[in-house]
PDB file of all heavy atoms in Angstrom:
ATOM      1  N   PRO A   1      -3.525  -7.384  -8.636  1.00  0.00           N
ATOM      2  CA  PRO A   1      -2.839  -8.756  -8.511  1.00  0.00           C
ATOM      3  C   PRO A   1      -2.071  -8.765  -7.191  1.00  0.00           C
ATOM      4  O   PRO A   1      -1.032  -8.107  -7.097  1.00  0.00           O
ATOM      5  CB  PRO A   1      -1.999  -8.860  -9.728  1.00  0.00           C
ATOM      6  CG  PRO A   1      -1.700  -7.411 -10.145  1.00  0.00           C
ATOM      7  CD  PRO A   1      -2.873  -6.609  -9.739  1.00  0.00           C
ATOM      8  N   PRO A   2      -2.446  -9.511  -6.235  1.00  0.00           N
ATOM      9  CA  PRO A   2      -1.736  -9.649  -4.976  1.00  0.00           C
ATOM     10  C   PRO A   2      -0.320 -10.227  -5.129  1.00  0.00           C
ATOM     11  O   PRO A   2       0.536 -10.036  -4.320  1.00  0.00           O
ATOM     12  CB  PRO A   2      -2.557 -10.513  -4.100  1.00  0.00           C
ATOM     13  CG  PRO A   2      -3.371 -11.373  -5.063  1.00  0.00           C
ATOM     14  CD  PRO A   2      -3.591 -10.514  -6.253  1.00  0.00           C
ATOM     15  N   GLN A   3      -0.114 -11.082  -6.202  1.00  0.00           N
ATOM     16  CA  GLN A   3       1.141 -11.748  -6.405  1.00  0.00           C
ATOM     17  C   GLN A   3       2.301 -10.710  -6.670  1.00  0.00           C
ATOM     18  O   GLN A   3       3.419 -11.050  -6.596  1.00  0.00           O
ATOM     19  CB  GLN A   3       1.034 -12.658  -7.598  1.00  0.00           C
ATOM     20  CG  GLN A   3       0.021 -13.749  -7.419  1.00  0.00           C
ATOM     21  CD  GLN A   3      -1.347 -13.426  -7.924  1.00  0.00           C
ATOM     22  OE1 GLN A   3      -1.631 -12.255  -8.143  1.00  0.00           O
ATOM     23  NE2 GLN A   3      -2.254 -14.393  -7.984  1.00  0.00           N
ATOM     24  N   LEU A   4       1.903  -9.439  -7.083  1.00  0.00           N
ATOM     25  CA  LEU A   4       2.927  -8.412  -7.332  1.00  0.00           C
ATOM     26  C   LEU A   4       3.026  -7.398  -6.255  1.00  0.00           C
ATOM     27  O   LEU A   4       3.724  -6.332  -6.402  1.00  0.00           O
ATOM     28  CB  LEU A   4       2.618  -7.758  -8.663  1.00  0.00           C
ATOM     29  CG  LEU A   4       2.578  -8.666  -9.906  1.00  0.00           C
ATOM     30  CD1 LEU A   4       2.236  -7.886 -11.164  1.00  0.00           C
ATOM     31  CD2 LEU A   4       3.916  -9.436 -10.059  1.00  0.00           C
ATOM     32  N   ILE A   5       2.436  -7.653  -5.086  1.00  0.00           N
ATOM     33  CA  ILE A   5       2.365  -6.667  -3.975  1.00  0.00           C
ATOM     34  C   ILE A   5       3.313  -7.185  -2.883  1.00  0.00           C
ATOM     35  O   ILE A   5       3.224  -8.371  -2.493  1.00  0.00           O
ATOM     36  CB  ILE A   5       0.972  -6.529  -3.483  1.00  0.00           C
ATOM     37  CG1 ILE A   5       0.028  -5.985  -4.578  1.00  0.00           C
ATOM     38  CG2 ILE A   5       0.911  -5.558  -2.307  1.00  0.00           C
ATOM     39  CD1 ILE A   5       0.488  -4.700  -5.238  1.00  0.00           C
ATOM     40  N   ASN A   6       4.107  -6.319  -2.294  1.00  0.00           N
ATOM     41  CA  ASN A   6       5.022  -6.681  -1.263  1.00  0.00           C
ATOM     42  C   ASN A   6       4.584  -6.177   0.132  1.00  0.00           C
ATOM     43  O   ASN A   6       5.207  -6.625   1.170  1.00  0.00           O
ATOM     44  CB  ASN A   6       6.436  -6.147  -1.570  1.00  0.00           C
ATOM     45  CG  ASN A   6       7.091  -6.933  -2.642  1.00  0.00           C
ATOM     46  OD1 ASN A   6       7.301  -8.108  -2.564  1.00  0.00           O
ATOM     47  ND2 ASN A   6       7.489  -6.277  -3.709  1.00  0.00           N
ATOM     48  N   ARG A   7       3.667  -5.280   0.217  1.00  0.00           N
ATOM     49  CA  ARG A   7       3.314  -4.710   1.555  1.00  0.00           C
ATOM     50  C   ARG A   7       1.957  -4.014   1.383  1.00  0.00           C
ATOM     51  O   ARG A   7       1.669  -3.430   0.361  1.00  0.00           O
ATOM     52  CB  ARG A   7       4.332  -3.717   2.002  1.00  0.00           C
ATOM     53  CG  ARG A   7       4.037  -3.003   3.322  1.00  0.00           C
ATOM     54  CD  ARG A   7       5.135  -2.039   3.588  1.00  0.00           C
ATOM     55  NE  ARG A   7       4.839  -1.087   4.675  1.00  0.00           N
ATOM     56  CZ  ARG A   7       5.127  -1.418   6.008  1.00  0.00           C
ATOM     57  NH1 ARG A   7       5.696  -2.490   6.359  1.00  0.00           N
ATOM     58  NH2 ARG A   7       4.813  -0.539   6.915  1.00  0.00           N
ATOM     59  N   ILE A   8       1.138  -3.984   2.422  1.00  0.00           N
ATOM     60  CA  ILE A   8      -0.138  -3.340   2.413  1.00  0.00           C
ATOM     61  C   ILE A   8      -0.329  -2.616   3.739  1.00  0.00           C
ATOM     62  O   ILE A   8      -0.017  -3.132   4.804  1.00  0.00           O
ATOM     63  CB  ILE A   8      -1.303  -4.355   2.227  1.00  0.00           C
ATOM     64  CG1 ILE A   8      -1.194  -5.106   0.938  1.00  0.00           C
ATOM     65  CG2 ILE A   8      -2.705  -3.630   2.358  1.00  0.00           C
ATOM     66  CD1 ILE A   8      -2.132  -6.294   0.844  1.00  0.00           C
ATOM     67  N   GLU A   9      -0.772  -1.389   3.680  1.00  0.00           N
ATOM     68  CA  GLU A   9      -1.155  -0.589   4.865  1.00  0.00           C
ATOM     69  C   GLU A   9      -2.599  -0.233   4.806  1.00  0.00           C
ATOM     70  O   GLU A   9      -3.091   0.307   3.800  1.00  0.00           O
ATOM     71  CB  GLU A   9      -0.268   0.697   4.904  1.00  0.00           C
ATOM     72  CG  GLU A   9       1.215   0.408   5.188  1.00  0.00           C
ATOM     73  CD  GLU A   9       2.020   1.667   5.173  1.00  0.00           C
ATOM     74  OE1 GLU A   9       1.425   2.780   5.079  1.00  0.00           O
ATOM     75  OE2 GLU A   9       3.293   1.554   5.241  1.00  0.00           O
ATOM     76  N   ILE A  10      -3.342  -0.558   5.823  1.00  0.00           N
ATOM     77  CA  ILE A  10      -4.803  -0.286   5.927  1.00  0.00           C
ATOM     78  C   ILE A  10      -4.925   0.786   7.045  1.00  0.00           C
ATOM     79  O   ILE A  10      -4.794   0.489   8.209  1.00  0.00           O
ATOM     80  CB  ILE A  10      -5.582  -1.501   6.262  1.00  0.00           C
ATOM     81  CG1 ILE A  10      -5.333  -2.634   5.275  1.00  0.00           C
ATOM     82  CG2 ILE A  10      -7.090  -1.165   6.327  1.00  0.00           C
ATOM     83  CD1 ILE A  10      -5.989  -4.038   5.661  1.00  0.00           C
ATOM     84  N   VAL A  11      -5.228   2.049   6.690  1.00  0.00           N
ATOM     85  CA  VAL A  11      -5.418   3.108   7.625  1.00  0.00           C
ATOM     86  C   VAL A  11      -6.922   3.329   7.725  1.00  0.00           C
ATOM     87  O   VAL A  11      -7.607   3.637   6.766  1.00  0.00           O
ATOM     88  CB  VAL A  11      -4.678   4.375   7.178  1.00  0.00           C
ATOM     89  CG1 VAL A  11      -4.943   5.494   8.187  1.00  0.00           C
ATOM     90  CG2 VAL A  11      -3.206   4.065   7.023  1.00  0.00           C
ATOM     91  N   ARG A  12      -7.482   3.208   8.954  1.00  0.00           N
ATOM     92  CA  ARG A  12      -8.885   3.350   9.147  1.00  0.00           C
ATOM     93  C   ARG A  12      -9.260   4.727   9.778  1.00  0.00           C
ATOM     94  O   ARG A  12      -8.506   5.184  10.611  1.00  0.00           O
ATOM     95  CB  ARG A  12      -9.394   2.224  10.102  1.00  0.00           C
ATOM     96  CG  ARG A  12      -9.093   0.838   9.549  1.00  0.00           C
ATOM     97  CD  ARG A  12      -9.606  -0.278  10.404  1.00  0.00           C
ATOM     98  NE  ARG A  12      -8.879  -0.311  11.714  1.00  0.00           N
ATOM     99  CZ  ARG A  12      -7.704  -0.846  11.834  1.00  0.00           C
ATOM    100  NH1 ARG A  12      -7.009  -1.315  10.834  1.00  0.00           N
ATOM    101  NH2 ARG A  12      -7.147  -0.896  13.022  1.00  0.00           N
ATOM    102  N   GLY A  13     -10.330   5.317   9.322  1.00  0.00           N
ATOM    103  CA  GLY A  13     -10.701   6.620   9.693  1.00  0.00           C
ATOM    104  C   GLY A  13     -10.542   7.654   8.628  1.00  0.00           C
ATOM    105  O   GLY A  13      -9.743   7.446   7.690  1.00  0.00           O
ATOM    106  N   GLY A  14     -11.270   8.731   8.700  1.00  0.00           N
ATOM    107  CA  GLY A  14     -11.270   9.777   7.629  1.00  0.00           C
ATOM    108  C   GLY A  14      -9.837  10.393   7.377  1.00  0.00           C
ATOM    109  O   GLY A  14      -9.216  10.672   8.348  1.00  0.00           O
ATOM    110  N   ARG A  15      -9.563  10.506   6.156  1.00  0.00           N
ATOM    111  CA  ARG A  15      -8.256  11.107   5.749  1.00  0.00           C
ATOM    112  C   ARG A  15      -8.479  12.135   4.639  1.00  0.00           C
ATOM    113  O   ARG A  15      -7.545  12.466   3.828  1.00  0.00           O
ATOM    114  CB  ARG A  15      -7.300  10.014   5.274  1.00  0.00           C
ATOM    115  CG  ARG A  15      -6.676   9.196   6.399  1.00  0.00           C
ATOM    116  CD  ARG A  15      -5.787  10.057   7.322  1.00  0.00           C
ATOM    117  NE  ARG A  15      -5.176   9.346   8.430  1.00  0.00           N
ATOM    118  CZ  ARG A  15      -5.835   9.093   9.598  1.00  0.00           C
ATOM    119  NH1 ARG A  15      -7.040   9.468   9.782  1.00  0.00           N
ATOM    120  NH2 ARG A  15      -5.182   8.372  10.514  1.00  0.00           N
ATOM    121  N   SER A  16      -9.632  12.719   4.494  1.00  0.00           N
ATOM    122  CA  SER A  16      -9.860  13.725   3.382  1.00  0.00           C
ATOM    123  C   SER A  16      -9.015  14.915   3.568  1.00  0.00           C
ATOM    124  O   SER A  16      -8.663  15.619   2.602  1.00  0.00           O
ATOM    125  CB  SER A  16     -11.378  14.141   3.398  1.00  0.00           C
ATOM    126  OG  SER A  16     -12.146  13.106   2.790  1.00  0.00           O
ATOM    127  N   SER A  17      -8.606  15.234   4.821  1.00  0.00           N
ATOM    128  CA  SER A  17      -7.730  16.405   5.027  1.00  0.00           C
ATOM    129  C   SER A  17      -6.324  16.272   4.484  1.00  0.00           C
ATOM    130  O   SER A  17      -5.586  17.240   4.407  1.00  0.00           O
ATOM    131  CB  SER A  17      -7.723  16.793   6.501  1.00  0.00           C
ATOM    132  OG  SER A  17      -7.170  15.728   7.281  1.00  0.00           O
ATOM    133  N   LEU A  18      -5.980  15.014   4.089  1.00  0.00           N
ATOM    134  CA  LEU A  18      -4.724  14.719   3.465  1.00  0.00           C
ATOM    135  C   LEU A  18      -4.890  14.337   2.018  1.00  0.00           C
ATOM    136  O   LEU A  18      -4.108  14.634   1.186  1.00  0.00           O
ATOM    137  CB  LEU A  18      -3.961  13.604   4.258  1.00  0.00           C
ATOM    138  CG  LEU A  18      -3.534  14.010   5.701  1.00  0.00           C
ATOM    139  CD1 LEU A  18      -2.808  12.853   6.279  1.00  0.00           C
ATOM    140  CD2 LEU A  18      -2.627  15.257   5.630  1.00  0.00           C
ATOM    141  N   TYR A  19      -5.949  13.483   1.751  1.00  0.00           N
ATOM    142  CA  TYR A  19      -6.075  12.832   0.440  1.00  0.00           C
ATOM    143  C   TYR A  19      -7.308  13.329  -0.351  1.00  0.00           C
ATOM    144  O   TYR A  19      -7.506  12.897  -1.498  1.00  0.00           O
ATOM    145  CB  TYR A  19      -6.146  11.305   0.592  1.00  0.00           C
ATOM    146  CG  TYR A  19      -4.884  10.707   1.125  1.00  0.00           C
ATOM    147  CD1 TYR A  19      -4.723  10.338   2.452  1.00  0.00           C
ATOM    148  CD2 TYR A  19      -3.844  10.498   0.240  1.00  0.00           C
ATOM    149  CE1 TYR A  19      -3.554   9.744   2.932  1.00  0.00           C
ATOM    150  CE2 TYR A  19      -2.633   9.901   0.723  1.00  0.00           C
ATOM    151  CZ  TYR A  19      -2.527   9.574   2.044  1.00  0.00           C
ATOM    152  OH  TYR A  19      -1.333   9.015   2.532  1.00  0.00           O
ATOM    153  N   GLY A  20      -8.082  14.189   0.230  1.00  0.00           N
ATOM    154  CA  GLY A  20      -9.230  14.732  -0.495  1.00  0.00           C
ATOM    155  C   GLY A  20     -10.411  13.851  -0.573  1.00  0.00           C
ATOM    156  O   GLY A  20     -10.698  13.054   0.373  1.00  0.00           O
ATOM    157  N   ALA A  21     -11.128  13.873  -1.686  1.00  0.00           N
ATOM    158  CA  ALA A  21     -12.444  13.157  -1.816  1.00  0.00           C
ATOM    159  C   ALA A  21     -12.285  11.709  -1.628  1.00  0.00           C
ATOM    160  O   ALA A  21     -11.254  11.076  -1.942  1.00  0.00           O
ATOM    161  CB  ALA A  21     -12.991  13.418  -3.245  1.00  0.00           C
ATOM    162  N   ASP A  22     -13.267  11.137  -1.033  1.00  0.00           N
ATOM    163  CA  ASP A  22     -13.499   9.642  -0.872  1.00  0.00           C
ATOM    164  C   ASP A  22     -12.697   8.956   0.261  1.00  0.00           C
ATOM    165  O   ASP A  22     -12.908   7.798   0.583  1.00  0.00           O
ATOM    166  CB  ASP A  22     -13.178   8.892  -2.192  1.00  0.00           C
ATOM    167  CG  ASP A  22     -13.891   9.477  -3.397  1.00  0.00           C
ATOM    168  OD1 ASP A  22     -14.956  10.108  -3.207  1.00  0.00           O
ATOM    169  OD2 ASP A  22     -13.392   9.371  -4.500  1.00  0.00           O
ATOM    170  N   ALA A  23     -11.785   9.734   0.911  1.00  0.00           N
ATOM    171  CA  ALA A  23     -11.073   9.155   2.033  1.00  0.00           C
ATOM    172  C   ALA A  23     -11.845   9.274   3.313  1.00  0.00           C
ATOM    173  O   ALA A  23     -11.411   9.883   4.287  1.00  0.00           O
ATOM    174  CB  ALA A  23      -9.696   9.799   2.142  1.00  0.00           C
ATOM    175  N   VAL A  24     -13.033   8.683   3.272  1.00  0.00           N
ATOM    176  CA  VAL A  24     -13.952   8.798   4.427  1.00  0.00           C
ATOM    177  C   VAL A  24     -13.747   7.573   5.386  1.00  0.00           C
ATOM    178  O   VAL A  24     -13.592   7.748   6.563  1.00  0.00           O
ATOM    179  CB  VAL A  24     -15.410   8.898   3.900  1.00  0.00           C
ATOM    180  CG1 VAL A  24     -16.389   9.082   5.097  1.00  0.00           C
ATOM    181  CG2 VAL A  24     -15.536   9.937   2.877  1.00  0.00           C
ATOM    182  N   GLY A  25     -13.934   6.349   4.837  1.00  0.00           N
ATOM    183  CA  GLY A  25     -13.743   5.193   5.730  1.00  0.00           C
ATOM    184  C   GLY A  25     -12.232   4.956   6.013  1.00  0.00           C
ATOM    185  O   GLY A  25     -11.959   4.506   7.098  1.00  0.00           O
ATOM    186  N   GLY A  26     -11.393   5.262   5.058  1.00  0.00           N
ATOM    187  CA  GLY A  26      -9.961   5.061   5.285  1.00  0.00           C
ATOM    188  C   GLY A  26      -9.235   4.999   3.950  1.00  0.00           C
ATOM    189  O   GLY A  26      -9.766   5.267   2.877  1.00  0.00           O
ATOM    190  N   VAL A  27      -8.002   4.603   4.096  1.00  0.00           N
ATOM    191  CA  VAL A  27      -7.067   4.516   2.919  1.00  0.00           C
ATOM    192  C   VAL A  27      -6.336   3.215   2.949  1.00  0.00           C
ATOM    193  O   VAL A  27      -5.809   2.777   4.015  1.00  0.00           O
ATOM    194  CB  VAL A  27      -6.038   5.633   2.870  1.00  0.00           C
ATOM    195  CG1 VAL A  27      -5.106   5.518   1.686  1.00  0.00           C
ATOM    196  CG2 VAL A  27      -6.742   6.996   2.881  1.00  0.00           C
ATOM    197  N   ILE A  28      -6.319   2.445   1.821  1.00  0.00           N
ATOM    198  CA  ILE A  28      -5.532   1.181   1.713  1.00  0.00           C
ATOM    199  C   ILE A  28      -4.469   1.423   0.654  1.00  0.00           C
ATOM    200  O   ILE A  28      -4.827   1.807  -0.458  1.00  0.00           O
ATOM    201  CB  ILE A  28      -6.471   0.042   1.368  1.00  0.00           C
ATOM    202  CG1 ILE A  28      -7.497  -0.196   2.408  1.00  0.00           C
ATOM    203  CG2 ILE A  28      -5.678  -1.195   1.078  1.00  0.00           C
ATOM    204  CD1 ILE A  28      -8.493  -1.278   2.122  1.00  0.00           C
ATOM    205  N   GLN A  29      -3.224   1.186   1.075  1.00  0.00           N
ATOM    206  CA  GLN A  29      -2.194   1.444   0.135  1.00  0.00           C
ATOM    207  C   GLN A  29      -1.372   0.124  -0.120  1.00  0.00           C
ATOM    208  O   GLN A  29      -1.015  -0.547   0.855  1.00  0.00           O
ATOM    209  CB  GLN A  29      -1.161   2.578   0.576  1.00  0.00           C
ATOM    210  CG  GLN A  29      -0.033   2.754  -0.402  1.00  0.00           C
ATOM    211  CD  GLN A  29       0.622   4.081  -0.268  1.00  0.00           C
ATOM    212  OE1 GLN A  29       1.301   4.509  -1.265  1.00  0.00           O
ATOM    213  NE2 GLN A  29       0.496   4.800   0.822  1.00  0.00           N
ATOM    214  N   ALA A  30      -1.166  -0.209  -1.365  1.00  0.00           N
ATOM    215  CA  ALA A  30      -0.370  -1.415  -1.784  1.00  0.00           C
ATOM    216  C   ALA A  30       0.970  -0.953  -2.306  1.00  0.00           C
ATOM    217  O   ALA A  30       1.045   0.023  -3.093  1.00  0.00           O
ATOM    218  CB  ALA A  30      -1.088  -2.225  -2.820  1.00  0.00           C
ATOM    219  N   PHE A  31       2.058  -1.608  -1.889  1.00  0.00           N
ATOM    220  CA  PHE A  31       3.413  -1.271  -2.376  1.00  0.00           C
ATOM    221  C   PHE A  31       4.027  -2.367  -3.170  1.00  0.00           C
ATOM    222  O   PHE A  31       3.865  -3.562  -2.891  1.00  0.00           O
ATOM    223  CB  PHE A  31       4.301  -0.992  -1.125  1.00  0.00           C
ATOM    224  CG  PHE A  31       3.857   0.170  -0.280  1.00  0.00           C
ATOM    225  CD1 PHE A  31       2.909  -0.051   0.767  1.00  0.00           C
ATOM    226  CD2 PHE A  31       4.323   1.462  -0.496  1.00  0.00           C
ATOM    227  CE1 PHE A  31       2.487   0.999   1.566  1.00  0.00           C
ATOM    228  CE2 PHE A  31       3.951   2.508   0.334  1.00  0.00           C
ATOM    229  CZ  PHE A  31       3.006   2.312   1.323  1.00  0.00           C
ATOM    230  N   THR A  32       4.743  -1.981  -4.261  1.00  0.00           N
ATOM    231  CA  THR A  32       5.365  -2.958  -5.107  1.00  0.00           C
ATOM    232  C   THR A  32       6.825  -3.095  -4.942  1.00  0.00           C
ATOM    233  O   THR A  32       7.435  -4.102  -5.382  1.00  0.00           O
ATOM    234  CB  THR A  32       5.101  -2.689  -6.616  1.00  0.00           C
ATOM    235  OG1 THR A  32       5.661  -1.365  -6.898  1.00  0.00           O
ATOM    236  CG2 THR A  32       3.596  -2.630  -6.901  1.00  0.00           C
ATOM    237  N   LEU A  33       7.493  -2.130  -4.307  1.00  0.00           N
ATOM    238  CA  LEU A  33       8.976  -2.158  -4.103  1.00  0.00           C
ATOM    239  C   LEU A  33       9.336  -3.250  -3.127  1.00  0.00           C
ATOM    240  O   LEU A  33       8.606  -3.446  -2.121  1.00  0.00           O
ATOM    241  CB  LEU A  33       9.452  -0.795  -3.633  1.00  0.00           C
ATOM    242  CG  LEU A  33       9.784   0.278  -4.732  1.00  0.00           C
ATOM    243  CD1 LEU A  33      10.118   1.588  -4.111  1.00  0.00           C
ATOM    244  CD2 LEU A  33      10.903  -0.147  -5.619  1.00  0.00           C
ATOM    245  N   PRO A  34      10.500  -3.879  -3.243  1.00  0.00           N
ATOM    246  CA  PRO A  34      10.950  -4.870  -2.201  1.00  0.00           C
ATOM    247  C   PRO A  34      11.222  -4.207  -0.928  1.00  0.00           C
ATOM    248  O   PRO A  34      11.627  -3.024  -0.872  1.00  0.00           O
ATOM    249  CB  PRO A  34      12.221  -5.456  -2.912  1.00  0.00           C
ATOM    250  CG  PRO A  34      12.702  -4.377  -3.837  1.00  0.00           C
ATOM    251  CD  PRO A  34      11.477  -3.735  -4.343  1.00  0.00           C
ATOM    252  N   GLN A  35      11.024  -4.982   0.134  1.00  0.00           N
ATOM    253  CA  GLN A  35      11.198  -4.445   1.503  1.00  0.00           C
ATOM    254  C   GLN A  35      12.509  -4.901   2.077  1.00  0.00           C
ATOM    255  O   GLN A  35      12.757  -4.676   3.295  1.00  0.00           O
ATOM    256  CB  GLN A  35      10.042  -4.873   2.301  1.00  0.00           C
ATOM    257  CG  GLN A  35       8.698  -4.444   1.822  1.00  0.00           C
ATOM    258  CD  GLN A  35       8.543  -2.963   1.674  1.00  0.00           C
ATOM    259  OE1 GLN A  35       8.830  -2.196   2.604  1.00  0.00           O
ATOM    260  NE2 GLN A  35       8.138  -2.474   0.515  1.00  0.00           N
ATOM    261  N   HIS A  36      13.376  -5.594   1.368  1.00  0.00           N
ATOM    262  CA  HIS A  36      14.604  -6.083   1.941  1.00  0.00           C
ATOM    263  C   HIS A  36      15.779  -5.740   0.972  1.00  0.00           C
ATOM    264  O   HIS A  36      15.572  -5.553  -0.256  1.00  0.00           O
ATOM    265  CB  HIS A  36      14.557  -7.609   2.133  1.00  0.00           C
ATOM    266  CG  HIS A  36      14.102  -8.355   0.881  1.00  0.00           C
ATOM    267  ND1 HIS A  36      15.000  -8.713  -0.111  1.00  0.00           N
ATOM    268  CD2 HIS A  36      12.928  -8.798   0.542  1.00  0.00           C
ATOM    269  CE1 HIS A  36      14.387  -9.359  -1.043  1.00  0.00           C
ATOM    270  NE2 HIS A  36      13.137  -9.383  -0.691  1.00  0.00           N
ATOM    271  N   GLU A  37      16.990  -5.691   1.485  1.00  0.00           N
ATOM    272  CA  GLU A  37      18.143  -5.382   0.684  1.00  0.00           C
ATOM    273  C   GLU A  37      18.714  -6.607  -0.022  1.00  0.00           C
ATOM    274  O   GLU A  37      18.515  -7.770   0.532  1.00  0.00           O
ATOM    275  CB  GLU A  37      19.222  -4.699   1.475  1.00  0.00           C
ATOM    276  CG  GLU A  37      18.867  -3.336   1.983  1.00  0.00           C
ATOM    277  CD  GLU A  37      19.985  -2.556   2.597  1.00  0.00           C
ATOM    278  OE1 GLU A  37      21.113  -3.141   2.567  1.00  0.00           O
ATOM    279  OE2 GLU A  37      19.834  -1.398   2.937  1.00  0.00           O
ATOM    280  N   GLY A  38      19.349  -6.429  -1.144  1.00  0.00           N
ATOM    281  CA  GLY A  38      19.944  -7.539  -1.858  1.00  0.00           C
ATOM    282  C   GLY A  38      19.526  -7.601  -3.275  1.00  0.00           C
ATOM    283  O   GLY A  38      18.697  -6.834  -3.735  1.00  0.00           O
ATOM    284  N   LYS A  39      20.116  -8.597  -4.002  1.00  0.00           N
ATOM    285  CA  LYS A  39      19.746  -8.843  -5.431  1.00  0.00           C
ATOM    286  C   LYS A  39      19.216 -10.246  -5.486  1.00  0.00           C
ATOM    287  O   LYS A  39      19.795 -11.166  -5.013  1.00  0.00           O
ATOM    288  CB  LYS A  39      20.986  -8.749  -6.278  1.00  0.00           C
ATOM    289  CG  LYS A  39      21.694  -7.331  -6.249  1.00  0.00           C
ATOM    290  CD  LYS A  39      22.929  -7.398  -7.111  1.00  0.00           C
ATOM    291  CE  LYS A  39      23.730  -6.080  -6.976  1.00  0.00           C
ATOM    292  NZ  LYS A  39      24.990  -6.093  -7.813  1.00  0.00           N
ATOM    293  N   SER A  40      18.069 -10.369  -6.152  1.00  0.00           N
ATOM    294  CA  SER A  40      17.433 -11.689  -6.252  1.00  0.00           C
ATOM    295  C   SER A  40      16.522 -11.763  -7.425  1.00  0.00           C
ATOM    296  O   SER A  40      16.128 -10.736  -7.994  1.00  0.00           O
ATOM    297  CB  SER A  40      16.645 -11.998  -4.988  1.00  0.00           C
ATOM    298  OG  SER A  40      15.581 -11.059  -4.743  1.00  0.00           O
ATOM    299  N   GLY A  41      16.257 -12.933  -7.892  1.00  0.00           N
ATOM    300  CA  GLY A  41      15.327 -13.231  -8.914  1.00  0.00           C
ATOM    301  C   GLY A  41      14.393 -14.411  -8.486  1.00  0.00           C
ATOM    302  O   GLY A  41      14.738 -15.098  -7.510  1.00  0.00           O
ATOM    303  N   TRP A  42      13.285 -14.571  -9.156  1.00  0.00           N
ATOM    304  CA  TRP A  42      12.410 -15.754  -8.777  1.00  0.00           C
ATOM    305  C   TRP A  42      11.537 -16.147  -9.976  1.00  0.00           C
ATOM    306  O   TRP A  42      11.227 -15.360 -10.821  1.00  0.00           O
ATOM    307  CB  TRP A  42      11.481 -15.279  -7.606  1.00  0.00           C
ATOM    308  CG  TRP A  42      10.834 -14.013  -7.751  1.00  0.00           C
ATOM    309  CD1 TRP A  42      11.213 -12.803  -7.493  1.00  0.00           C
ATOM    310  CD2 TRP A  42       9.429 -13.852  -8.233  1.00  0.00           C
ATOM    311  NE1 TRP A  42      10.271 -11.813  -7.747  1.00  0.00           N
ATOM    312  CE2 TRP A  42       9.174 -12.488  -8.254  1.00  0.00           C
ATOM    313  CE3 TRP A  42       8.476 -14.713  -8.756  1.00  0.00           C
ATOM    314  CZ2 TRP A  42       7.910 -11.927  -8.682  1.00  0.00           C
ATOM    315  CZ3 TRP A  42       7.262 -14.229  -9.144  1.00  0.00           C
ATOM    316  CH2 TRP A  42       7.003 -12.839  -9.109  1.00  0.00           C
ATOM    317  N   LEU A  43      11.248 -17.452  -9.910  1.00  0.00           N
ATOM    318  CA  LEU A  43      10.375 -18.046 -10.841  1.00  0.00           C
ATOM    319  C   LEU A  43       9.356 -18.887 -10.076  1.00  0.00           C
ATOM    320  O   LEU A  43       9.658 -19.480  -9.047  1.00  0.00           O
ATOM    321  CB  LEU A  43      11.089 -19.020 -11.818  1.00  0.00           C
ATOM    322  CG  LEU A  43      12.198 -18.355 -12.680  1.00  0.00           C
ATOM    323  CD1 LEU A  43      13.002 -19.469 -13.361  1.00  0.00           C
ATOM    324  CD2 LEU A  43      11.590 -17.467 -13.763  1.00  0.00           C
TER     325      LEU A  43
END
């Protein structure tokens, strides 16, 4: 669900030497933690 994602990193190129199997084309990582300081809520 993209609505719960705060940041995405798309790394292109082989990364099996760090992540093992299947990291041939690249690695895509989604982050859920907030990227800014403060206290907030939302609806």
